[in-house]
PDB file of N, CA and C in Angstrom:
ATOM      1  N   MET A   1      -6.820 -67.625  43.893  1.00  0.00           N
ATOM      2  CA  MET A   1      -6.744 -68.970  44.011  1.00  0.00           C
ATOM      3  C   MET A   1      -6.675 -69.315  44.986  1.00  0.00           C
ATOM      4  N   SER A   2      -7.133 -70.836  45.140  1.00  0.00           N
ATOM      5  CA  SER A   2      -7.519 -71.805  46.433  1.00  0.00           C
ATOM      6  C   SER A   2      -5.952 -71.741  46.964  1.00  0.00           C
ATOM      7  N   ILE A   3      -5.865 -72.203  48.081  1.00  0.00           N
ATOM      8  CA  ILE A   3      -4.722 -72.992  48.924  1.00  0.00           C
ATOM      9  C   ILE A   3      -4.643 -74.388  48.079  1.00  0.00           C
ATOM     10  N   PHE A   4      -5.819 -75.084  47.880  1.00  0.00           N
ATOM     11  CA  PHE A   4      -5.443 -76.502  47.234  1.00  0.00           C
ATOM     12  C   PHE A   4      -4.690 -76.312  45.862  1.00  0.00           C
ATOM     13  N   SER A   5      -5.219 -75.241  44.955  1.00  0.00           N
ATOM     14  CA  SER A   5      -4.568 -75.239  43.584  1.00  0.00           C
ATOM     15  C   SER A   5      -3.305 -74.753  43.774  1.00  0.00           C
ATOM     16  N   GLU A   6      -2.731 -73.818  44.732  1.00  0.00           N
ATOM     17  CA  GLU A   6      -1.521 -73.556  44.894  1.00  0.00           C
ATOM     18  C   GLU A   6      -0.704 -74.441  45.188  1.00  0.00           C
ATOM     19  N   ARG A   7      -0.998 -75.476  46.024  1.00  0.00           N
ATOM     20  CA  ARG A   7      -0.185 -76.554  46.858  1.00  0.00           C
ATOM     21  C   ARG A   7      -0.276 -77.433  45.685  1.00  0.00           C
ATOM     22  N   LEU A   8      -1.518 -77.916  44.834  1.00  0.00           N
ATOM     23  CA  LEU A   8      -1.430 -78.828  43.560  1.00  0.00           C
ATOM     24  C   LEU A   8       0.175 -78.342  42.684  1.00  0.00           C
ATOM     25  N   GLN A   9       0.106 -77.260  42.423  1.00  0.00           N
ATOM     26  CA  GLN A   9       0.922 -76.648  41.379  1.00  0.00           C
ATOM     27  C   GLN A   9       2.201 -76.911  42.051  1.00  0.00           C
ATOM     28  N   GLN A  10       2.617 -76.293  43.235  1.00  0.00           N
ATOM     29  CA  GLN A  10       3.542 -76.695  43.666  1.00  0.00           C
ATOM     30  C   GLN A  10       4.056 -77.939  43.934  1.00  0.00           C
ATOM     31  N   VAL A  11       3.767 -79.050  44.489  1.00  0.00           N
ATOM     32  CA  VAL A  11       3.698 -80.585  44.342  1.00  0.00           C
ATOM     33  C   VAL A  11       3.981 -80.974  42.910  1.00  0.00           C
ATOM     34  N   LEU A  12       3.294 -80.581  41.821  1.00  0.00           N
ATOM     35  CA  LEU A  12       3.567 -80.956  40.741  1.00  0.00           C
ATOM     36  C   LEU A  12       4.871 -80.410  40.319  1.00  0.00           C
ATOM     37  N   ALA A  13       5.281 -79.396  40.300  1.00  0.00           N
ATOM     38  CA  ALA A  13       6.582 -78.780  40.062  1.00  0.00           C
ATOM     39  C   ALA A  13       7.364 -79.515  40.755  1.00  0.00           C
ATOM     40  N   GLN A  14       7.603 -79.484  41.936  1.00  0.00           N
ATOM     41  CA  GLN A  14       8.707 -80.147  42.741  1.00  0.00           C
ATOM     42  C   GLN A  14       8.778 -81.414  42.264  1.00  0.00           C
ATOM     43  N   LYS A  15       7.974 -82.357  42.157  1.00  0.00           N
ATOM     44  CA  LYS A  15       7.934 -83.737  41.616  1.00  0.00           C
ATOM     45  C   LYS A  15       8.132 -84.005  40.098  1.00  0.00           C
ATOM     46  N   GLU A  16       8.123 -82.774  39.347  1.00  0.00           N
ATOM     47  CA  GLU A  16       8.025 -82.949  38.068  1.00  0.00           C
ATOM     48  C   GLU A  16       6.896 -83.862  37.260  1.00  0.00           C
ATOM     49  N   ILE A  17       6.187 -83.438  37.715  1.00  0.00           N
ATOM     50  CA  ILE A  17       4.734 -84.551  37.313  1.00  0.00           C
ATOM     51  C   ILE A  17       3.907 -83.599  36.430  1.00  0.00           C
ATOM     52  N   THR A  18       3.456 -83.810  35.059  1.00  0.00           N
ATOM     53  CA  THR A  18       2.580 -83.080  34.510  1.00  0.00           C
ATOM     54  C   THR A  18       1.216 -83.590  34.855  1.00  0.00           C
ATOM     55  N   GLN A  19       0.556 -82.542  34.382  1.00  0.00           N
ATOM     56  CA  GLN A  19      -1.049 -82.574  34.507  1.00  0.00           C
ATOM     57  C   GLN A  19      -1.727 -84.053  33.914  1.00  0.00           C
ATOM     58  N   LYS A  20      -0.984 -84.264  32.882  1.00  0.00           N
ATOM     59  CA  LYS A  20      -1.316 -85.431  32.166  1.00  0.00           C
ATOM     60  C   LYS A  20      -1.074 -86.639  33.010  1.00  0.00           C
ATOM     61  N   GLU A  21       0.081 -86.686  33.533  1.00  0.00           N
ATOM     62  CA  GLU A  21       0.559 -87.791  34.286  1.00  0.00           C
ATOM     63  C   GLU A  21       0.021 -87.881  35.680  1.00  0.00           C
ATOM     64  N   LEU A  22      -0.397 -86.850  36.079  1.00  0.00           N
ATOM     65  CA  LEU A  22      -1.421 -86.929  37.482  1.00  0.00           C
ATOM     66  C   LEU A  22      -2.653 -87.232  37.036  1.00  0.00           C
ATOM     67  N   ALA A  23      -3.244 -86.937  35.911  1.00  0.00           N
ATOM     68  CA  ALA A  23      -4.592 -87.455  35.441  1.00  0.00           C
ATOM     69  C   ALA A  23      -4.319 -89.005  35.668  1.00  0.00           C
ATOM     70  N   SER A  24      -3.660 -89.606  35.030  1.00  0.00           N
ATOM     71  CA  SER A  24      -3.525 -90.785  34.747  1.00  0.00           C
ATOM     72  C   SER A  24      -3.476 -91.581  35.809  1.00  0.00           C
ATOM     73  N   ARG A  25      -2.373 -91.239  36.914  1.00  0.00           N
ATOM     74  CA  ARG A  25      -2.351 -91.594  38.003  1.00  0.00           C
ATOM     75  C   ARG A  25      -3.574 -91.862  38.954  1.00  0.00           C
ATOM     76  N   ALA A  26      -3.996 -90.345  38.802  1.00  0.00           N
ATOM     77  CA  ALA A  26      -5.023 -90.537  39.826  1.00  0.00           C
ATOM     78  C   ALA A  26      -6.584 -91.217  39.216  1.00  0.00           C
ATOM     79  N   GLY A  27      -6.586 -91.284  38.075  1.00  0.00           N
ATOM     80  CA  GLY A  27      -7.706 -91.776  37.463  1.00  0.00           C
ATOM     81  C   GLY A  27      -8.835 -90.816  37.224  1.00  0.00           C
ATOM     82  N   VAL A  28      -8.521 -89.634  36.894  1.00  0.00           N
ATOM     83  CA  VAL A  28      -9.202 -88.623  36.344  1.00  0.00           C
ATOM     84  C   VAL A  28      -8.957 -87.884  35.272  1.00  0.00           C
ATOM     85  N   THR A  29     -10.007 -87.082  34.486  1.00  0.00           N
ATOM     86  CA  THR A  29      -9.611 -86.442  33.401  1.00  0.00           C
ATOM     87  C   THR A  29      -8.375 -85.259  33.321  1.00  0.00           C
ATOM     88  N   GLU A  30      -8.086 -85.332  32.361  1.00  0.00           N
ATOM     89  CA  GLU A  30      -7.087 -84.135  32.163  1.00  0.00           C
ATOM     90  C   GLU A  30      -7.535 -82.891  32.153  1.00  0.00           C
ATOM     91  N   SER A  31      -9.057 -82.732  32.313  1.00  0.00           N
ATOM     92  CA  SER A  31      -9.763 -81.427  32.129  1.00  0.00           C
ATOM     93  C   SER A  31      -9.918 -81.290  33.668  1.00  0.00           C
ATOM     94  N   ALA A  32     -10.255 -81.894  34.168  1.00  0.00           N
ATOM     95  CA  ALA A  32     -10.677 -82.078  35.796  1.00  0.00           C
ATOM     96  C   ALA A  32      -9.612 -81.394  36.648  1.00  0.00           C
ATOM     97  N   ILE A  33      -8.104 -82.174  36.214  1.00  0.00           N
ATOM     98  CA  ILE A  33      -6.885 -81.484  36.885  1.00  0.00           C
ATOM     99  C   ILE A  33      -6.687 -80.131  36.357  1.00  0.00           C
ATOM    100  N   SER A  34      -7.088 -79.561  35.159  1.00  0.00           N
ATOM    101  CA  SER A  34      -6.807 -78.152  34.664  1.00  0.00           C
ATOM    102  C   SER A  34      -7.884 -77.442  35.392  1.00  0.00           C
ATOM    103  N   TYR A  35      -8.919 -77.733  35.761  1.00  0.00           N
ATOM    104  CA  TYR A  35      -9.615 -77.113  36.443  1.00  0.00           C
ATOM    105  C   TYR A  35      -9.367 -76.960  37.815  1.00  0.00           C
ATOM    106  N   TYR A  36      -8.863 -77.942  38.611  1.00  0.00           N
ATOM    107  CA  TYR A  36      -8.127 -77.863  39.833  1.00  0.00           C
ATOM    108  C   TYR A  36      -7.133 -77.061  39.956  1.00  0.00           C
ATOM    109  N   MET A  37      -6.345 -76.945  38.995  1.00  0.00           N
ATOM    110  CA  MET A  37      -5.032 -76.279  38.946  1.00  0.00           C
ATOM    111  C   MET A  37      -5.357 -74.529  39.003  1.00  0.00           C
ATOM    112  N   LYS A  38      -6.324 -74.247  38.250  1.00  0.00           N
ATOM    113  CA  LYS A  38      -6.905 -73.013  38.207  1.00  0.00           C
ATOM    114  C   LYS A  38      -7.505 -72.344  39.333  1.00  0.00           C
ATOM    115  N   GLY A  39      -7.989 -73.453  40.016  1.00  0.00           N
ATOM    116  CA  GLY A  39      -8.843 -73.198  41.064  1.00  0.00           C
ATOM    117  C   GLY A  39     -10.307 -72.951  40.782  1.00  0.00           C
ATOM    118  N   GLN A  40     -10.828 -73.471  39.604  1.00  0.00           N
ATOM    119  CA  GLN A  40     -11.999 -73.390  39.253  1.00  0.00           C
ATOM    120  C   GLN A  40     -13.050 -74.478  39.653  1.00  0.00           C
ATOM    121  N   ARG A  41     -12.462 -75.464  40.207  1.00  0.00           N
ATOM    122  CA  ARG A  41     -13.038 -76.448  40.706  1.00  0.00           C
ATOM    123  C   ARG A  41     -12.236 -77.121  42.059  1.00  0.00           C
ATOM    124  N   THR A  42     -13.023 -78.049  42.966  1.00  0.00           N
ATOM    125  CA  THR A  42     -12.741 -78.671  44.183  1.00  0.00           C
ATOM    126  C   THR A  42     -12.635 -79.968  44.028  1.00  0.00           C
ATOM    127  N   PRO A  43     -11.715 -80.932  44.206  1.00  0.00           N
ATOM    128  CA  PRO A  43     -12.254 -82.384  43.824  1.00  0.00           C
ATOM    129  C   PRO A  43     -13.061 -82.975  44.957  1.00  0.00           C
ATOM    130  N   SER A  44     -13.662 -83.964  44.547  1.00  0.00           N
ATOM    131  CA  SER A  44     -14.426 -84.539  45.738  1.00  0.00           C
ATOM    132  C   SER A  44     -13.447 -85.238  46.761  1.00  0.00           C
ATOM    133  N   GLY A  45     -13.858 -85.757  47.796  1.00  0.00           N
ATOM    134  CA  GLY A  45     -12.943 -86.438  48.748  1.00  0.00           C
ATOM    135  C   GLY A  45     -12.528 -87.614  48.293  1.00  0.00           C
ATOM    136  N   ASP A  46     -13.243 -88.523  47.488  1.00  0.00           N
ATOM    137  CA  ASP A  46     -12.592 -89.638  46.842  1.00  0.00           C
ATOM    138  C   ASP A  46     -11.227 -89.364  45.893  1.00  0.00           C
ATOM    139  N   VAL A  47     -11.734 -88.331  45.002  1.00  0.00           N
ATOM    140  CA  VAL A  47     -10.818 -87.870  43.902  1.00  0.00           C
ATOM    141  C   VAL A  47      -9.402 -86.893  44.734  1.00  0.00           C
ATOM    142  N   LEU A  48      -9.617 -86.329  45.612  1.00  0.00           N
ATOM    143  CA  LEU A  48      -8.767 -85.521  46.383  1.00  0.00           C
ATOM    144  C   LEU A  48      -8.150 -86.713  46.956  1.00  0.00           C
ATOM    145  N   THR A  49      -8.496 -87.836  47.700  1.00  0.00           N
ATOM    146  CA  THR A  49      -7.651 -88.744  48.250  1.00  0.00           C
ATOM    147  C   THR A  49      -6.661 -89.555  47.205  1.00  0.00           C
ATOM    148  N   ARG A  50      -7.382 -89.786  46.128  1.00  0.00           N
ATOM    149  CA  ARG A  50      -6.353 -90.334  44.679  1.00  0.00           C
ATOM    150  C   ARG A  50      -5.561 -89.352  44.444  1.00  0.00           C
ATOM    151  N   ILE A  51      -5.632 -88.181  44.297  1.00  0.00           N
ATOM    152  CA  ILE A  51      -4.588 -87.137  44.009  1.00  0.00           C
ATOM    153  C   ILE A  51      -3.408 -87.126  44.801  1.00  0.00           C
ATOM    154  N   ALA A  52      -3.837 -87.050  46.256  1.00  0.00           N
ATOM    155  CA  ALA A  52      -2.885 -87.154  47.147  1.00  0.00           C
ATOM    156  C   ALA A  52      -1.966 -88.479  46.983  1.00  0.00           C
ATOM    157  N   LYS A  53      -2.595 -89.563  46.671  1.00  0.00           N
ATOM    158  CA  LYS A  53      -1.652 -90.667  46.622  1.00  0.00           C
ATOM    159  C   LYS A  53      -0.937 -90.616  45.546  1.00  0.00           C
ATOM    160  N   ALA A  54      -1.516 -90.457  44.348  1.00  0.00           N
ATOM    161  CA  ALA A  54      -0.674 -90.026  43.194  1.00  0.00           C
ATOM    162  C   ALA A  54       0.747 -89.052  43.222  1.00  0.00           C
ATOM    163  N   LEU A  55       0.625 -88.393  44.151  1.00  0.00           N
ATOM    164  CA  LEU A  55       1.669 -87.330  44.388  1.00  0.00           C
ATOM    165  C   LEU A  55       2.469 -87.583  45.777  1.00  0.00           C
ATOM    166  N   ASP A  56       1.913 -88.820  46.353  1.00  0.00           N
ATOM    167  CA  ASP A  56       2.919 -89.184  47.505  1.00  0.00           C
ATOM    168  C   ASP A  56       2.602 -88.311  48.656  1.00  0.00           C
ATOM    169  N   THR A  57       1.557 -87.344  48.979  1.00  0.00           N
ATOM    170  CA  THR A  57       1.201 -86.501  49.715  1.00  0.00           C
ATOM    171  C   THR A  57       0.156 -86.569  50.657  1.00  0.00           C
ATOM    172  N   THR A  58      -0.050 -85.717  51.226  1.00  0.00           N
ATOM    173  CA  THR A  58      -1.345 -85.917  52.182  1.00  0.00           C
ATOM    174  C   THR A  58      -2.575 -84.779  51.601  1.00  0.00           C
ATOM    175  N   THR A  59      -3.851 -85.539  51.936  1.00  0.00           N
ATOM    176  CA  THR A  59      -4.808 -84.471  51.678  1.00  0.00           C
ATOM    177  C   THR A  59      -4.731 -83.280  52.752  1.00  0.00           C
ATOM    178  N   ASP A  60      -4.308 -83.590  53.992  1.00  0.00           N
ATOM    179  CA  ASP A  60      -4.228 -82.323  54.765  1.00  0.00           C
ATOM    180  C   ASP A  60      -3.333 -81.195  54.101  1.00  0.00           C
ATOM    181  N   TYR A  61      -2.068 -81.633  53.633  1.00  0.00           N
ATOM    182  CA  TYR A  61      -1.179 -80.459  53.054  1.00  0.00           C
ATOM    183  C   TYR A  61      -1.671 -80.037  51.677  1.00  0.00           C
ATOM    184  N   LEU A  62      -2.449 -80.529  50.913  1.00  0.00           N
ATOM    185  CA  LEU A  62      -3.061 -80.197  49.600  1.00  0.00           C
ATOM    186  C   LEU A  62      -4.221 -79.523  50.117  1.00  0.00           C
ATOM    187  N   LEU A  63      -4.993 -79.304  51.299  1.00  0.00           N
ATOM    188  CA  LEU A  63      -5.970 -78.513  51.472  1.00  0.00           C
ATOM    189  C   LEU A  63      -5.384 -77.166  52.236  1.00  0.00           C
ATOM    190  N   GLY A  64      -4.161 -77.340  52.831  1.00  0.00           N
ATOM    191  CA  GLY A  64      -3.750 -76.139  53.637  1.00  0.00           C
ATOM    192  C   GLY A  64      -3.758 -76.466  55.184  1.00  0.00           C
ATOM    193  N   ASN A  65      -4.606 -77.704  55.522  1.00  0.00           N
ATOM    194  CA  ASN A  65      -4.769 -78.040  57.001  1.00  0.00           C
ATOM    195  C   ASN A  65      -3.203 -78.403  57.799  1.00  0.00           C
ATOM    196  N   SER A  66      -2.155 -78.621  57.030  1.00  0.00           N
ATOM    197  CA  SER A  66      -0.870 -78.939  57.535  1.00  0.00           C
ATOM    198  C   SER A  66       0.118 -78.449  56.530  1.00  0.00           C
ATOM    199  N   SER A  67       1.236 -78.181  57.598  1.00  0.00           N
ATOM    200  CA  SER A  67       2.588 -77.727  56.386  1.00  0.00           C
ATOM    201  C   SER A  67       3.373 -78.718  56.195  1.00  0.00           C
ATOM    202  N   ASN A  68       3.003 -79.946  56.718  1.00  0.00           N
ATOM    203  CA  ASN A  68       3.835 -81.355  56.514  1.00  0.00           C
ATOM    204  C   ASN A  68       3.274 -82.059  55.353  1.00  0.00           C
ATOM    205  N   SER A  69       4.003 -82.281  54.021  1.00  0.00           N
ATOM    206  CA  SER A  69       3.628 -82.789  52.952  1.00  0.00           C
ATOM    207  C   SER A  69       3.741 -83.974  52.843  1.00  0.00           C
ATOM    208  N   THR A  70       4.814 -84.636  53.936  1.00  0.00           N
ATOM    209  CA  THR A  70       5.271 -86.118  54.051  1.00  0.00           C
ATOM    210  C   THR A  70       4.164 -86.932  54.650  1.00  0.00           C
ATOM    211  N   PRO A  71       3.698 -88.031  53.714  1.00  0.00           N
ATOM    212  CA  PRO A  71       2.726 -89.123  54.445  1.00  0.00           C
ATOM    213  C   PRO A  71       3.177 -89.720  55.432  1.00  0.00           C
ATOM    214  N   PRO A  72       2.254 -90.147  56.387  1.00  0.00           N
ATOM    215  CA  PRO A  72       2.634 -90.781  57.480  1.00  0.00           C
ATOM    216  C   PRO A  72       3.719 -91.809  57.925  1.00  0.00           C
ATOM    217  N   ALA A  73       3.637 -92.554  56.600  1.00  0.00           N
ATOM    218  CA  ALA A  73       4.801 -93.980  56.453  1.00  0.00           C
ATOM    219  C   ALA A  73       6.327 -93.352  56.935  1.00  0.00           C
ATOM    220  N   GLU A  74       6.595 -92.188  56.358  1.00  0.00           N
ATOM    221  CA  GLU A  74       7.874 -91.740  56.321  1.00  0.00           C
ATOM    222  C   GLU A  74       7.933 -91.025  57.817  1.00  0.00           C
ATOM    223  N   ASN A  75       6.837 -90.844  58.441  1.00  0.00           N
ATOM    224  CA  ASN A  75       6.971 -90.171  59.844  1.00  0.00           C
ATOM    225  C   ASN A  75       7.391 -91.569  61.060  1.00  0.00           C
ATOM    226  N   ASP A  76       7.559 -92.653  60.606  1.00  0.00           N
ATOM    227  CA  ASP A  76       7.464 -93.779  61.587  1.00  0.00           C
ATOM    228  C   ASP A  76       8.665 -93.636  62.464  1.00  0.00           C
ATOM    229  N   ARG A  77       9.497 -93.256  62.211  1.00  0.00           N
ATOM    230  CA  ARG A  77      10.921 -93.216  63.170  1.00  0.00           C
ATOM    231  C   ARG A  77      10.262 -92.173  64.167  1.00  0.00           C
ATOM    232  N   LEU A  78       9.855 -90.981  63.928  1.00  0.00           N
ATOM    233  CA  LEU A  78       9.480 -90.051  64.411  1.00  0.00           C
ATOM    234  C   LEU A  78       8.572 -90.500  65.487  1.00  0.00           C
ATOM    235  N   GLN A  79       7.291 -90.801  65.020  1.00  0.00           N
ATOM    236  CA  GLN A  79       6.402 -91.571  66.112  1.00  0.00           C
ATOM    237  C   GLN A  79       6.931 -92.570  67.123  1.00  0.00           C
ATOM    238  N   PHE A  80       7.587 -93.741  66.316  1.00  0.00           N
ATOM    239  CA  PHE A  80       8.204 -94.224  67.564  1.00  0.00           C
ATOM    240  C   PHE A  80       9.277 -93.974  68.754  1.00  0.00           C
ATOM    241  N   LEU A  81      10.058 -92.625  68.223  1.00  0.00           N
ATOM    242  CA  LEU A  81      10.617 -92.012  69.329  1.00  0.00           C
ATOM    243  C   LEU A  81       9.502 -91.280  70.243  1.00  0.00           C
ATOM    244  N   GLN A  82       8.506 -91.079  69.643  1.00  0.00           N
ATOM    245  CA  GLN A  82       7.586 -90.071  70.786  1.00  0.00           C
ATOM    246  C   GLN A  82       7.251 -90.970  71.391  1.00  0.00           C
ATOM    247  N   ARG A  83       6.522 -92.260  70.721  1.00  0.00           N
ATOM    248  CA  ARG A  83       6.062 -93.285  71.953  1.00  0.00           C
ATOM    249  C   ARG A  83       7.073 -93.849  73.029  1.00  0.00           C
ATOM    250  N   LYS A  84       8.340 -93.820  72.601  1.00  0.00           N
ATOM    251  CA  LYS A  84       9.182 -94.352  73.621  1.00  0.00           C
ATOM    252  C   LYS A  84       9.362 -93.102  74.706  1.00  0.00           C
ATOM    253  N   LEU A  85       9.693 -92.189  74.242  1.00  0.00           N
ATOM    254  CA  LEU A  85       9.473 -90.804  75.332  1.00  0.00           C
ATOM    255  C   LEU A  85       8.648 -90.903  76.126  1.00  0.00           C
ATOM    256  N   GLY A  86       7.403 -91.116  75.480  1.00  0.00           N
ATOM    257  CA  GLY A  86       6.255 -91.066  76.396  1.00  0.00           C
ATOM    258  C   GLY A  86       6.158 -91.964  77.193  1.00  0.00           C
ATOM    259  N   GLU A  87       6.964 -93.127  77.339  1.00  0.00           N
ATOM    260  CA  GLU A  87       6.817 -94.242  78.140  1.00  0.00           C
ATOM    261  C   GLU A  87       7.987 -94.059  79.373  1.00  0.00           C
ATOM    262  N   LEU A  88       8.788 -92.918  79.242  1.00  0.00           N
ATOM    263  CA  LEU A  88       9.516 -92.709  80.307  1.00  0.00           C
ATOM    264  C   LEU A  88       9.181 -92.216  81.699  1.00  0.00           C
ATOM    265  N   ASP A  89       9.681 -92.602  82.732  1.00  0.00           N
ATOM    266  CA  ASP A  89       9.660 -92.022  83.980  1.00  0.00           C
ATOM    267  C   ASP A  89       9.975 -90.426  84.079  1.00  0.00           C
ATOM    268  N   GLU A  90       9.573 -89.606  84.879  1.00  0.00           N
ATOM    269  CA  GLU A  90      10.162 -88.202  84.882  1.00  0.00           C
ATOM    270  C   GLU A  90      11.804 -88.212  84.685  1.00  0.00           C
ATOM    271  N   GLU A  91      12.383 -88.693  85.660  1.00  0.00           N
ATOM    272  CA  GLU A  91      13.821 -88.852  85.766  1.00  0.00           C
ATOM    273  C   GLU A  91      14.562 -88.992  84.630  1.00  0.00           C
ATOM    274  N   ARG A  92      14.075 -90.277  83.701  1.00  0.00           N
ATOM    275  CA  ARG A  92      14.351 -90.336  82.516  1.00  0.00           C
ATOM    276  C   ARG A  92      14.245 -89.465  81.383  1.00  0.00           C
ATOM    277  N   LEU A  93      13.165 -88.880  81.474  1.00  0.00           N
ATOM    278  CA  LEU A  93      12.629 -87.744  80.238  1.00  0.00           C
ATOM    279  C   LEU A  93      13.508 -86.927  80.722  1.00  0.00           C
ATOM    280  N   GLU A  94      14.163 -86.250  81.712  1.00  0.00           N
ATOM    281  CA  GLU A  94      14.529 -85.137  82.244  1.00  0.00           C
ATOM    282  C   GLU A  94      16.006 -85.289  81.414  1.00  0.00           C
ATOM    283  N   LYS A  95      16.630 -86.840  81.728  1.00  0.00           N
ATOM    284  CA  LYS A  95      18.076 -87.032  81.163  1.00  0.00           C
ATOM    285  C   LYS A  95      17.961 -87.258  79.658  1.00  0.00           C
ATOM    286  N   ALA A  96      16.904 -87.664  79.186  1.00  0.00           N
ATOM    287  CA  ALA A  96      16.874 -87.713  77.505  1.00  0.00           C
ATOM    288  C   ALA A  96      16.828 -86.033  76.994  1.00  0.00           C
ATOM    289  N   GLU A  97      15.998 -85.085  77.455  1.00  0.00           N
ATOM    290  CA  GLU A  97      15.999 -83.627  77.023  1.00  0.00           C
ATOM    291  C   GLU A  97      17.071 -83.291  77.422  1.00  0.00           C
ATOM    292  N   THR A  98      18.013 -83.667  78.625  1.00  0.00           N
ATOM    293  CA  THR A  98      19.132 -82.962  78.739  1.00  0.00           C
ATOM    294  C   THR A  98      20.412 -83.493  77.510  1.00  0.00           C
ATOM    295  N   MET A  99      20.286 -84.737  77.144  1.00  0.00           N
ATOM    296  CA  MET A  99      20.941 -85.229  76.193  1.00  0.00           C
ATOM    297  C   MET A  99      20.973 -84.589  74.613  1.00  0.00           C
ATOM    298  N   LEU A 100      19.355 -84.505  74.421  1.00  0.00           N
ATOM    299  CA  LEU A 100      18.913 -83.832  73.148  1.00  0.00           C
ATOM    300  C   LEU A 100      19.703 -82.325  72.981  1.00  0.00           C
ATOM    301  N   LYS A 101      19.525 -81.726  74.126  1.00  0.00           N
ATOM    302  CA  LYS A 101      19.941 -80.351  74.223  1.00  0.00           C
ATOM    303  C   LYS A 101      21.611 -80.202  73.821  1.00  0.00           C
ATOM    304  N   VAL A 102      22.300 -80.873  74.523  1.00  0.00           N
ATOM    305  CA  VAL A 102      23.462 -81.053  74.287  1.00  0.00           C
ATOM    306  C   VAL A 102      23.824 -81.631  72.905  1.00  0.00           C
ATOM    307  N   MET A 103      23.358 -82.466  72.391  1.00  0.00           N
ATOM    308  CA  MET A 103      23.606 -83.025  70.972  1.00  0.00           C
ATOM    309  C   MET A 103      23.125 -81.867  70.237  1.00  0.00           C
ATOM    310  N   PHE A 104      21.797 -81.263  70.162  1.00  0.00           N
ATOM    311  CA  PHE A 104      21.271 -80.583  69.302  1.00  0.00           C
ATOM    312  C   PHE A 104      21.182 -79.008  69.862  1.00  0.00           C
ATOM    313  N   ASP A 105      22.076 -78.522  70.324  1.00  0.00           N
ATOM    314  CA  ASP A 105      21.866 -77.312  70.826  1.00  0.00           C
ATOM    315  C   ASP A 105      21.553 -76.184  70.005  1.00  0.00           C
ATOM    316  N   ASP A 106      21.729 -76.136  68.977  1.00  0.00           N
ATOM    317  CA  ASP A 106      21.247 -75.164  67.941  1.00  0.00           C
ATOM    318  C   ASP A 106      19.517 -75.361  67.814  1.00  0.00           C
ATOM    319  N   LEU A 107      18.952 -76.301  67.742  1.00  0.00           N
ATOM    320  CA  LEU A 107      17.760 -76.414  67.974  1.00  0.00           C
ATOM    321  C   LEU A 107      16.927 -75.989  69.063  1.00  0.00           C
ATOM    322  N   PHE A 108      17.579 -75.974  70.383  1.00  0.00           N
ATOM    323  CA  PHE A 108      17.053 -75.638  71.553  1.00  0.00           C
ATOM    324  C   PHE A 108      17.382 -74.031  71.933  1.00  0.00           C
ATOM    325  N   GLU A 109      18.256 -73.435  70.900  1.00  0.00           N
ATOM    326  CA  GLU A 109      18.445 -72.114  71.638  1.00  0.00           C
ATOM    327  C   GLU A 109      17.177 -70.978  71.624  1.00  0.00           C
ATOM    328  N   ASN A 110      17.246 -70.393  72.597  1.00  0.00           N
ATOM    329  CA  ASN A 110      15.882 -69.534  73.017  1.00  0.00           C
ATOM    330  C   ASN A 110      14.650 -70.045  72.892  1.00  0.00           C
ATOM    331  N   SER A 111      14.646 -71.495  73.423  1.00  0.00           N
ATOM    332  CA  SER A 111      13.569 -72.415  73.581  1.00  0.00           C
ATOM    333  C   SER A 111      13.256 -72.549  74.826  1.00  0.00           C
ATOM    334  N   GLU A 112      11.657 -72.792  75.268  1.00  0.00           N
ATOM    335  CA  GLU A 112      11.461 -72.796  76.646  1.00  0.00           C
ATOM    336  C   GLU A 112      10.243 -73.561  76.426  1.00  0.00           C
ATOM    337  N   VAL A 113      10.094 -74.805  77.353  1.00  0.00           N
ATOM    338  CA  VAL A 113       9.108 -75.694  77.469  1.00  0.00           C
ATOM    339  C   VAL A 113       7.715 -75.112  78.085  1.00  0.00           C
TER     340      VAL A 113
END
């Protein structure tokens, strides 16, 4: 079984979406979804994109290229923080790092930069 079919099955189960419902949302036939679920076929790029949008996930996640199933729109806050941290001078960046380590010490245990 391909990573695509495994991830497709996983997302459908998590979101409680039927194959029929996915087919309707993505504009493909139910039989096509069945083939993808069994790993017997792989969708074209266009169909893959429509499936990802219908499931509110990413094509990279479905293809196994990423472990993050969240579409970029939900990562806006993280991207904003990354941009702002990137704008800091060295002294302010060190202060921010110290504050984060104090506030979230459990995340930084046994971690080295």
